[in-house]
Amino acid sequence: MATTVEDVIAKAEMVEIEPKPGVALKPQLLKEEKVNGAEPKPVNGVKADENGKNECVPEEKAEVGKEAVNGGVPKVEEKEEVAVEIEPKTGVSFPVKVEDGKQLNSVGLRKKTMLGLGIKIYAFGIYADQEKLKDLMKSKIGKAPAKPTKDMYQVVIDSDLRMMVRLVIVYSGLTMSMVRKNFDEGLGASIKKLTGGKKNEELSNKVMGAASDDIKLTTGSVIEITRFPGYTLETKVMGEVVSKVESELLCRAYIHMYLGDDAFDKDAREKFGASLLSLF
């Protein structure tokens, strides 16, 4: 007996075809199923409408951070907002925590006297690893004193604990040659203080000596100077490494400029001392 078209359709309706798991059908295939008279079933969280377009089934959700099937919008990851501390004399803000985990211990201002006037050169923030700073205080100082002591500051100065001082330029007329001269003078005086009056101009000149005069500094330009374990001092100007010097004396002298008896900003030094007390 000859097979008719009606017989073929009847047999086809008795066969259930299951899609393979994890495979999304194309819109046109879903549309064809509707044309053949069968109600399309949801496939991997997607079903076809009358026009052959796909829409998501509520029970099935796309994975976070990935594109949903057939035109879904990927979820944008939100960055964690970091609190800031404002340096009061300049209004410059410093994040209380930087990407590598170091936290802000103090902020201050570097001023320079020119023609009898106090010129604001840069605001600065002092960062350190708090856990290692805490271990250092407990191992070298022991019990917490009533107030910050000279020994506490000296322990930090003499250590090779990783620390970073971020400088943010506030004086609009500053040039690289002026910055170089300022660092040479400051480090030179600090080295003399630590060595009993001996000069070492060659060492002090290494911090900014390689910085090109072509680097243009404007208000808001950032310089970061980091002391690494092993007594290595690295200088970055606007994200570019301009020097990396291995010297215990240079590292001690640099931190001494901010935490020594004749620190650039006495208020910033005292605030750093208060942060040390909080670690006990």
C-alpha atoms as a PDB file:
ATOM      1  CA  MET A   1       0.000   0.000   0.000  1.00  0.00           C
ATOM      2  CA  ALA A   2       1.441   3.369  -1.015  1.00  0.00           C
ATOM      3  CA  THR A   3       2.490   5.716   1.720  1.00  0.00           C
ATOM      4  CA  THR A   4       0.636   8.995   1.714  1.00  0.00           C
ATOM      5  CA  VAL A   5       1.812  12.393   2.925  1.00  0.00           C
ATOM      6  CA  GLU A   6      -0.720  12.171   5.783  1.00  0.00           C
ATOM      7  CA  ASP A   7       0.830   8.871   6.985  1.00  0.00           C
ATOM      8  CA  VAL A   8       4.325  10.423   7.115  1.00  0.00           C
ATOM      9  CA  ILE A   9       3.083  13.384   9.162  1.00  0.00           C
ATOM     10  CA  ALA A  10       1.221  11.092  11.585  1.00  0.00           C
ATOM     11  CA  LYS A  11       4.316   8.944  12.209  1.00  0.00           C
ATOM     12  CA  ALA A  12       6.540  12.024  12.634  1.00  0.00           C
ATOM     13  CA  GLU A  13       4.268  13.360  15.390  1.00  0.00           C
ATOM     14  CA  MET A  14       4.767  10.118  17.365  1.00  0.00           C
ATOM     15  CA  VAL A  15       8.565  10.559  17.493  1.00  0.00           C
ATOM     16  CA  GLU A  16       9.997  12.864  20.232  1.00  0.00           C
ATOM     17  CA  ILE A  17      13.349  14.374  19.409  1.00  0.00           C
ATOM     18  CA  GLU A  18      15.309  15.650  22.468  1.00  0.00           C
ATOM     19  CA  PRO A  19      17.975  18.319  21.925  1.00  0.00           C
ATOM     20  CA  LYS A  20      21.438  17.602  23.283  1.00  0.00           C
ATOM     21  CA  PRO A  21      22.114  19.260  26.635  1.00  0.00           C
ATOM     22  CA  GLY A  22      24.077  22.519  26.447  1.00  0.00           C
ATOM     23  CA  VAL A  23      23.290  23.154  22.765  1.00  0.00           C
ATOM     24  CA  ALA A  24      21.165  26.208  21.979  1.00  0.00           C
ATOM     25  CA  LEU A  25      19.048  25.845  18.897  1.00  0.00           C
ATOM     26  CA  LYS A  26      19.155  28.515  16.257  1.00  0.00           C
ATOM     27  CA  PRO A  27      16.126  30.843  16.044  1.00  0.00           C
ATOM     28  CA  GLN A  28      15.193  29.586  12.597  1.00  0.00           C
ATOM     29  CA  LEU A  29      15.053  25.965  13.808  1.00  0.00           C
ATOM     30  CA  LEU A  30      12.725  26.902  16.628  1.00  0.00           C
ATOM     31  CA  LYS A  31      10.538  28.714  14.154  1.00  0.00           C
ATOM     32  CA  GLU A  32      10.350  25.657  11.875  1.00  0.00           C
ATOM     33  CA  GLU A  33       9.091  23.537  14.761  1.00  0.00           C
ATOM     34  CA  LYS A  34       6.200  25.962  15.216  1.00  0.00           C
ATOM     35  CA  VAL A  35       5.500  25.874  11.494  1.00  0.00           C
ATOM     36  CA  ASN A  36       5.243  22.067  11.561  1.00  0.00           C
ATOM     37  CA  GLY A  37       2.443  22.353  14.102  1.00  0.00           C
ATOM     38  CA  ALA A  38       4.265  21.453  17.314  1.00  0.00           C
ATOM     39  CA  GLU A  39       4.472  23.900  20.254  1.00  0.00           C
ATOM     40  CA  PRO A  40       8.200  24.681  20.751  1.00  0.00           C
ATOM     41  CA  LYS A  41       9.658  23.515  24.046  1.00  0.00           C
ATOM     42  CA  PRO A  42      12.132  25.619  26.056  1.00  0.00           C
ATOM     43  CA  VAL A  43      15.652  24.632  25.098  1.00  0.00           C
ATOM     44  CA  ASN A  44      18.445  25.518  27.579  1.00  0.00           C
ATOM     45  CA  GLY A  45      16.361  28.291  29.066  1.00  0.00           C
ATOM     46  CA  VAL A  46      15.299  29.742  25.719  1.00  0.00           C
ATOM     47  CA  LYS A  47      11.993  29.447  23.894  1.00  0.00           C
ATOM     48  CA  ALA A  48      10.798  30.847  20.594  1.00  0.00           C
ATOM     49  CA  ASP A  49       7.924  33.300  20.221  1.00  0.00           C
ATOM     50  CA  GLU A  50       5.564  33.459  17.268  1.00  0.00           C
ATOM     51  CA  ASN A  51       8.083  35.433  15.213  1.00  0.00           C
ATOM     52  CA  GLY A  52      10.830  32.909  15.755  1.00  0.00           C
ATOM     53  CA  LYS A  53      12.737  35.122  18.203  1.00  0.00           C
ATOM     54  CA  ASN A  54      14.110  33.672  21.414  1.00  0.00           C
ATOM     55  CA  GLU A  55      13.298  34.821  24.930  1.00  0.00           C
ATOM     56  CA  CYS A  56      14.649  33.697  28.280  1.00  0.00           C
ATOM     57  CA  VAL A  57      12.585  31.453  30.521  1.00  0.00           C
ATOM     58  CA  PRO A  58      12.450  32.931  34.060  1.00  0.00           C
ATOM     59  CA  GLU A  59      13.550  29.702  35.780  1.00  0.00           C
ATOM     60  CA  GLU A  60      16.824  29.619  33.869  1.00  0.00           C
ATOM     61  CA  LYS A  61      19.343  32.428  34.515  1.00  0.00           C
ATOM     62  CA  ALA A  62      22.503  33.229  32.627  1.00  0.00           C
ATOM     63  CA  GLU A  63      25.756  32.851  34.508  1.00  0.00           C
ATOM     64  CA  VAL A  64      27.010  36.035  36.144  1.00  0.00           C
ATOM     65  CA  GLY A  65      29.631  37.815  34.082  1.00  0.00           C
ATOM     66  CA  LYS A  66      28.846  35.871  30.870  1.00  0.00           C
ATOM     67  CA  GLU A  67      26.646  36.793  27.945  1.00  0.00           C
ATOM     68  CA  ALA A  68      23.146  35.334  28.160  1.00  0.00           C
ATOM     69  CA  VAL A  69      22.075  33.085  25.268  1.00  0.00           C
ATOM     70  CA  ASN A  70      21.139  34.907  22.049  1.00  0.00           C
ATOM     71  CA  GLY A  71      21.750  38.567  22.765  1.00  0.00           C
ATOM     72  CA  GLY A  72      21.819  38.772  26.587  1.00  0.00           C
ATOM     73  CA  VAL A  73      23.735  41.669  28.178  1.00  0.00           C
ATOM     74  CA  PRO A  74      26.823  40.674  30.252  1.00  0.00           C
ATOM     75  CA  LYS A  75      26.927  41.889  33.854  1.00  0.00           C
ATOM     76  CA  VAL A  76      29.538  44.575  34.453  1.00  0.00           C
ATOM     77  CA  GLU A  77      31.652  43.981  37.549  1.00  0.00           C
ATOM     78  CA  GLU A  78      31.634  46.953  39.905  1.00  0.00           C
ATOM     79  CA  LYS A  79      34.939  48.168  41.353  1.00  0.00           C
ATOM     80  CA  GLU A  80      35.149  48.572  45.085  1.00  0.00           C
ATOM     81  CA  GLU A  81      35.224  52.216  46.116  1.00  0.00           C
ATOM     82  CA  VAL A  82      38.268  53.149  48.192  1.00  0.00           C
ATOM     83  CA  ALA A  83      38.019  55.794  50.910  1.00  0.00           C
ATOM     84  CA  VAL A  84      40.385  58.760  50.782  1.00  0.00           C
ATOM     85  CA  GLU A  85      42.015  61.068  53.292  1.00  0.00           C
ATOM     86  CA  ILE A  86      42.424  64.766  52.547  1.00  0.00           C
ATOM     87  CA  GLU A  87      45.663  66.606  53.257  1.00  0.00           C
ATOM     88  CA  PRO A  88      44.172  69.702  54.974  1.00  0.00           C
ATOM     89  CA  LYS A  89      46.679  72.348  53.862  1.00  0.00           C
ATOM     90  CA  THR A  90      46.369  71.553  50.145  1.00  0.00           C
ATOM     91  CA  GLY A  91      43.093  69.667  49.681  1.00  0.00           C
ATOM     92  CA  VAL A  92      44.929  66.793  47.960  1.00  0.00           C
ATOM     93  CA  SER A  93      43.246  63.414  48.501  1.00  0.00           C
ATOM     94  CA  PHE A  94      45.081  60.144  49.138  1.00  0.00           C
ATOM     95  CA  PRO A  95      43.468  56.676  48.992  1.00  0.00           C
ATOM     96  CA  VAL A  96      43.622  54.990  52.396  1.00  0.00           C
ATOM     97  CA  LYS A  97      44.687  51.770  50.665  1.00  0.00           C
ATOM     98  CA  VAL A  98      46.621  51.129  47.450  1.00  0.00           C
ATOM     99  CA  GLU A  99      46.435  48.166  45.085  1.00  0.00           C
ATOM    100  CA  ASP A 100      49.249  46.128  46.649  1.00  0.00           C
ATOM    101  CA  GLY A 101      47.592  46.301  50.084  1.00  0.00           C
ATOM    102  CA  LYS A 102      49.702  48.988  51.751  1.00  0.00           C
ATOM    103  CA  GLN A 103      47.670  51.370  53.905  1.00  0.00           C
ATOM    104  CA  LEU A 104      47.969  55.082  54.528  1.00  0.00           C
ATOM    105  CA  ASN A 105      49.580  56.023  57.856  1.00  0.00           C
ATOM    106  CA  SER A 106      49.920  59.773  57.485  1.00  0.00           C
ATOM    107  CA  VAL A 107      49.599  62.740  55.136  1.00  0.00           C
ATOM    108  CA  GLY A 108      51.577  65.975  55.112  1.00  0.00           C
ATOM    109  CA  LEU A 109      53.019  68.902  53.178  1.00  0.00           C
ATOM    110  CA  ARG A 110      56.502  69.720  51.934  1.00  0.00           C
ATOM    111  CA  LYS A 111      57.163  73.456  51.987  1.00  0.00           C
ATOM    112  CA  LYS A 112      60.157  75.398  50.788  1.00  0.00           C
ATOM    113  CA  THR A 113      61.138  78.921  51.792  1.00  0.00           C
ATOM    114  CA  MET A 114      61.805  81.182  48.810  1.00  0.00           C
ATOM    115  CA  LEU A 115      62.457  84.911  49.206  1.00  0.00           C
ATOM    116  CA  GLY A 116      61.076  84.724  52.709  1.00  0.00           C
ATOM    117  CA  LEU A 117      57.860  83.048  51.578  1.00  0.00           C
ATOM    118  CA  GLY A 118      56.732  79.513  52.406  1.00  0.00           C
ATOM    119  CA  ILE A 119      55.961  77.854  49.068  1.00  0.00           C
ATOM    120  CA  LYS A 120      53.859  74.674  49.027  1.00  0.00           C
ATOM    121  CA  ILE A 121      55.797  72.200  46.878  1.00  0.00           C
ATOM    122  CA  TYR A 122      53.953  68.894  47.230  1.00  0.00           C
ATOM    123  CA  ALA A 123      51.540  67.010  49.453  1.00  0.00           C
ATOM    124  CA  PHE A 124      52.605  63.533  50.513  1.00  0.00           C
ATOM    125  CA  GLY A 125      51.127  60.318  51.891  1.00  0.00           C
ATOM    126  CA  ILE A 126      53.137  57.651  53.735  1.00  0.00           C
ATOM    127  CA  TYR A 127      52.080  54.041  53.129  1.00  0.00           C
ATOM    128  CA  ALA A 128      53.208  50.789  54.766  1.00  0.00           C
ATOM    129  CA  ASP A 129      52.257  47.139  55.233  1.00  0.00           C
ATOM    130  CA  GLN A 130      50.350  47.300  58.532  1.00  0.00           C
ATOM    131  CA  GLU A 131      50.821  43.665  59.564  1.00  0.00           C
ATOM    132  CA  LYS A 132      54.582  43.794  59.061  1.00  0.00           C
ATOM    133  CA  LEU A 133      54.722  47.187  60.749  1.00  0.00           C
ATOM    134  CA  LYS A 134      52.850  45.687  63.699  1.00  0.00           C
ATOM    135  CA  ASP A 135      55.280  42.749  63.899  1.00  0.00           C
ATOM    136  CA  LEU A 136      58.194  45.190  63.761  1.00  0.00           C
ATOM    137  CA  MET A 137      56.856  47.268  66.651  1.00  0.00           C
ATOM    138  CA  LYS A 138      56.143  44.255  68.843  1.00  0.00           C
ATOM    139  CA  SER A 139      59.534  42.643  68.191  1.00  0.00           C
ATOM    140  CA  LYS A 140      61.617  45.802  68.632  1.00  0.00           C
ATOM    141  CA  ILE A 141      59.607  47.913  71.089  1.00  0.00           C
ATOM    142  CA  GLY A 142      57.555  45.340  72.987  1.00  0.00           C
ATOM    143  CA  LYS A 143      54.896  47.068  75.088  1.00  0.00           C
ATOM    144  CA  ALA A 144      53.114  50.167  73.843  1.00  0.00           C
ATOM    145  CA  PRO A 145      54.526  53.409  75.301  1.00  0.00           C
ATOM    146  CA  ALA A 146      52.252  56.219  76.499  1.00  0.00           C
ATOM    147  CA  LYS A 147      53.185  58.313  73.462  1.00  0.00           C
ATOM    148  CA  PRO A 148      55.317  57.885  70.325  1.00  0.00           C
ATOM    149  CA  THR A 149      59.027  57.731  71.130  1.00  0.00           C
ATOM    150  CA  LYS A 150      62.171  58.491  69.164  1.00  0.00           C
ATOM    151  CA  ASP A 151      63.046  54.790  69.293  1.00  0.00           C
ATOM    152  CA  MET A 152      59.785  53.900  67.532  1.00  0.00           C
ATOM    153  CA  TYR A 153      60.541  56.239  64.632  1.00  0.00           C
ATOM    154  CA  GLN A 154      64.154  55.064  64.480  1.00  0.00           C
ATOM    155  CA  VAL A 155      63.123  51.398  64.264  1.00  0.00           C
ATOM    156  CA  VAL A 156      61.014  52.215  61.187  1.00  0.00           C
ATOM    157  CA  ILE A 157      63.792  54.317  59.642  1.00  0.00           C
ATOM    158  CA  ASP A 158      66.426  51.606  60.125  1.00  0.00           C
ATOM    159  CA  SER A 159      64.252  48.679  58.954  1.00  0.00           C
ATOM    160  CA  ASP A 160      63.911  47.410  55.387  1.00  0.00           C
ATOM    161  CA  LEU A 161      60.129  47.251  55.741  1.00  0.00           C
ATOM    162  CA  ARG A 162      58.371  47.982  52.463  1.00  0.00           C
ATOM    163  CA  MET A 163      57.120  51.568  52.532  1.00  0.00           C
ATOM    164  CA  MET A 164      56.038  54.054  49.915  1.00  0.00           C
ATOM    165  CA  VAL A 165      55.797  57.843  49.973  1.00  0.00           C
ATOM    166  CA  ARG A 166      53.452  59.235  47.325  1.00  0.00           C
ATOM    167  CA  LEU A 167      54.121  62.853  46.361  1.00  0.00           C
ATOM    168  CA  VAL A 168      51.467  64.934  44.619  1.00  0.00           C
ATOM    169  CA  ILE A 169      52.740  68.187  43.095  1.00  0.00           C
ATOM    170  CA  VAL A 170      50.848  71.327  44.147  1.00  0.00           C
ATOM    171  CA  TYR A 171      53.284  74.030  42.976  1.00  0.00           C
ATOM    172  CA  SER A 172      52.402  74.777  39.358  1.00  0.00           C
ATOM    173  CA  GLY A 173      55.819  76.191  38.403  1.00  0.00           C
ATOM    174  CA  LEU A 174      57.804  73.099  39.425  1.00  0.00           C
ATOM    175  CA  THR A 175      60.279  71.605  36.943  1.00  0.00           C
ATOM    176  CA  MET A 176      62.260  68.354  37.056  1.00  0.00           C
ATOM    177  CA  SER A 177      65.489  70.284  37.660  1.00  0.00           C
ATOM    178  CA  MET A 178      63.883  71.965  40.701  1.00  0.00           C
ATOM    179  CA  VAL A 179      62.668  68.578  41.987  1.00  0.00           C
ATOM    180  CA  ARG A 180      66.149  67.108  41.498  1.00  0.00           C
ATOM    181  CA  LYS A 181      67.769  69.980  43.403  1.00  0.00           C
ATOM    182  CA  ASN A 182      65.203  69.708  46.202  1.00  0.00           C
ATOM    183  CA  PHE A 183      65.811  65.969  46.620  1.00  0.00           C
ATOM    184  CA  ASP A 184      69.574  66.330  46.450  1.00  0.00           C
ATOM    185  CA  GLU A 185      69.497  68.946  49.222  1.00  0.00           C
ATOM    186  CA  GLY A 186      67.026  67.055  51.418  1.00  0.00           C
ATOM    187  CA  LEU A 187      68.713  63.673  51.063  1.00  0.00           C
ATOM    188  CA  GLY A 188      72.146  65.228  51.414  1.00  0.00           C
ATOM    189  CA  ALA A 189      71.198  66.780  54.760  1.00  0.00           C
ATOM    190  CA  SER A 190      69.583  63.525  55.909  1.00  0.00           C
ATOM    191  CA  ILE A 191      72.663  61.472  54.973  1.00  0.00           C
ATOM    192  CA  LYS A 192      74.899  63.893  56.905  1.00  0.00           C
ATOM    193  CA  LYS A 193      72.609  63.536  59.924  1.00  0.00           C
ATOM    194  CA  LEU A 194      72.861  59.738  59.859  1.00  0.00           C
ATOM    195  CA  THR A 195      76.621  59.580  59.199  1.00  0.00           C
ATOM    196  CA  GLY A 196      77.790  62.176  61.703  1.00  0.00           C
ATOM    197  CA  GLY A 197      78.338  64.962  59.196  1.00  0.00           C
ATOM    198  CA  LYS A 198      79.784  63.039  56.246  1.00  0.00           C
ATOM    199  CA  LYS A 199      78.609  64.064  52.777  1.00  0.00           C
ATOM    200  CA  ASN A 200      77.747  61.624  50.003  1.00  0.00           C
ATOM    201  CA  GLU A 201      76.544  63.701  47.059  1.00  0.00           C
ATOM    202  CA  GLU A 202      77.008  60.854  44.600  1.00  0.00           C
ATOM    203  CA  LEU A 203      74.541  58.714  46.546  1.00  0.00           C
ATOM    204  CA  SER A 204      71.966  61.465  47.078  1.00  0.00           C
ATOM    205  CA  ASN A 205      72.038  62.357  43.368  1.00  0.00           C
ATOM    206  CA  LYS A 206      71.052  58.813  42.336  1.00  0.00           C
ATOM    207  CA  VAL A 207      67.388  59.186  43.302  1.00  0.00           C
ATOM    208  CA  MET A 208      66.450  61.789  40.689  1.00  0.00           C
ATOM    209  CA  GLY A 209      69.667  61.900  38.695  1.00  0.00           C
ATOM    210  CA  ALA A 210      68.277  59.853  35.799  1.00  0.00           C
ATOM    211  CA  ALA A 211      64.981  61.743  35.572  1.00  0.00           C
ATOM    212  CA  SER A 212      64.819  63.588  32.266  1.00  0.00           C
ATOM    213  CA  ASP A 213      64.156  67.319  32.153  1.00  0.00           C
ATOM    214  CA  ASP A 214      61.711  66.523  29.343  1.00  0.00           C
ATOM    215  CA  ILE A 215      59.268  65.148  31.920  1.00  0.00           C
ATOM    216  CA  LYS A 216      56.633  67.850  32.307  1.00  0.00           C
ATOM    217  CA  LEU A 217      55.282  68.295  35.819  1.00  0.00           C
ATOM    218  CA  THR A 218      51.947  69.978  36.447  1.00  0.00           C
ATOM    219  CA  THR A 219      49.714  70.386  39.456  1.00  0.00           C
ATOM    220  CA  GLY A 220      48.541  66.882  40.366  1.00  0.00           C
ATOM    221  CA  SER A 221      51.568  65.044  38.908  1.00  0.00           C
ATOM    222  CA  VAL A 222      52.509  62.029  41.027  1.00  0.00           C
ATOM    223  CA  ILE A 223      55.932  60.821  42.150  1.00  0.00           C
ATOM    224  CA  GLU A 224      56.176  57.563  44.111  1.00  0.00           C
ATOM    225  CA  ILE A 225      59.312  56.522  45.986  1.00  0.00           C
ATOM    226  CA  THR A 226      59.252  53.009  47.457  1.00  0.00           C
ATOM    227  CA  ARG A 227      61.650  51.283  49.831  1.00  0.00           C
ATOM    228  CA  PHE A 228      61.694  47.548  49.148  1.00  0.00           C
ATOM    229  CA  PRO A 229      62.989  44.777  51.436  1.00  0.00           C
ATOM    230  CA  GLY A 230      66.708  44.385  50.879  1.00  0.00           C
ATOM    231  CA  TYR A 231      67.168  48.182  51.063  1.00  0.00           C
ATOM    232  CA  THR A 232      66.290  49.038  47.473  1.00  0.00           C
ATOM    233  CA  LEU A 233      64.854  52.478  46.725  1.00  0.00           C
ATOM    234  CA  GLU A 234      62.742  52.791  43.572  1.00  0.00           C
ATOM    235  CA  THR A 235      61.568  56.106  42.146  1.00  0.00           C
ATOM    236  CA  LYS A 236      58.642  56.494  39.760  1.00  0.00           C
ATOM    237  CA  VAL A 237      57.724  59.781  38.109  1.00  0.00           C
ATOM    238  CA  MET A 238      54.204  59.731  36.639  1.00  0.00           C
ATOM    239  CA  GLY A 239      54.308  55.928  36.482  1.00  0.00           C
ATOM    240  CA  GLU A 240      57.747  55.690  34.858  1.00  0.00           C
ATOM    241  CA  VAL A 241      60.636  54.135  36.805  1.00  0.00           C
ATOM    242  CA  VAL A 242      63.544  56.620  36.711  1.00  0.00           C
ATOM    243  CA  SER A 243      65.860  54.979  39.264  1.00  0.00           C
ATOM    244  CA  LYS A 244      66.312  51.851  41.359  1.00  0.00           C
ATOM    245  CA  VAL A 245      69.180  51.996  43.836  1.00  0.00           C
ATOM    246  CA  GLU A 246      70.273  49.359  46.326  1.00  0.00           C
ATOM    247  CA  SER A 247      71.671  51.153  49.388  1.00  0.00           C
ATOM    248  CA  GLU A 248      70.854  50.810  53.075  1.00  0.00           C
ATOM    249  CA  LEU A 249      72.078  54.328  53.814  1.00  0.00           C
ATOM    250  CA  LEU A 250      70.005  55.855  51.026  1.00  0.00           C
ATOM    251  CA  CYS A 251      66.850  54.015  52.168  1.00  0.00           C
ATOM    252  CA  ARG A 252      67.347  55.090  55.775  1.00  0.00           C
ATOM    253  CA  ALA A 253      68.073  58.677  54.742  1.00  0.00           C
ATOM    254  CA  TYR A 254      64.951  58.902  52.607  1.00  0.00           C
ATOM    255  CA  ILE A 255      62.556  57.717  55.342  1.00  0.00           C
ATOM    256  CA  HIS A 256      64.450  59.911  57.820  1.00  0.00           C
ATOM    257  CA  MET A 257      63.353  63.001  55.855  1.00  0.00           C
ATOM    258  CA  TYR A 258      59.756  62.254  56.874  1.00  0.00           C
ATOM    259  CA  LEU A 259      60.164  60.564  60.276  1.00  0.00           C
ATOM    260  CA  GLY A 260      63.405  62.012  61.656  1.00  0.00           C
ATOM    261  CA  ASP A 261      63.757  64.726  64.337  1.00  0.00           C
ATOM    262  CA  ASP A 262      63.818  67.459  61.679  1.00  0.00           C
ATOM    263  CA  ALA A 263      61.062  65.957  59.498  1.00  0.00           C
ATOM    264  CA  PHE A 264      59.584  67.965  56.623  1.00  0.00           C
ATOM    265  CA  ASP A 265      56.192  68.088  58.366  1.00  0.00           C
ATOM    266  CA  LYS A 266      56.167  67.632  62.152  1.00  0.00           C
ATOM    267  CA  ASP A 267      52.375  67.148  62.228  1.00  0.00           C
ATOM    268  CA  ALA A 268      52.631  64.336  59.690  1.00  0.00           C
ATOM    269  CA  ARG A 269      55.400  62.720  61.767  1.00  0.00           C
ATOM    270  CA  GLU A 270      53.256  62.845  64.913  1.00  0.00           C
ATOM    271  CA  LYS A 271      50.310  61.353  63.069  1.00  0.00           C
ATOM    272  CA  PHE A 272      52.516  58.511  61.831  1.00  0.00           C
ATOM    273  CA  GLY A 273      53.608  57.949  65.434  1.00  0.00           C
ATOM    274  CA  ALA A 274      49.977  57.780  66.560  1.00  0.00           C
ATOM    275  CA  SER A 275      49.303  55.149  63.890  1.00  0.00           C
ATOM    276  CA  LEU A 276      52.193  53.087  65.292  1.00  0.00           C
ATOM    277  CA  LEU A 277      50.658  53.200  68.779  1.00  0.00           C
ATOM    278  CA  SER A 278      47.381  51.867  67.385  1.00  0.00           C
ATOM    279  CA  LEU A 279      49.180  48.717  66.199  1.00  0.00           C
ATOM    280  CA  PHE A 280      50.022  47.464  69.712  1.00  0.00           C
END
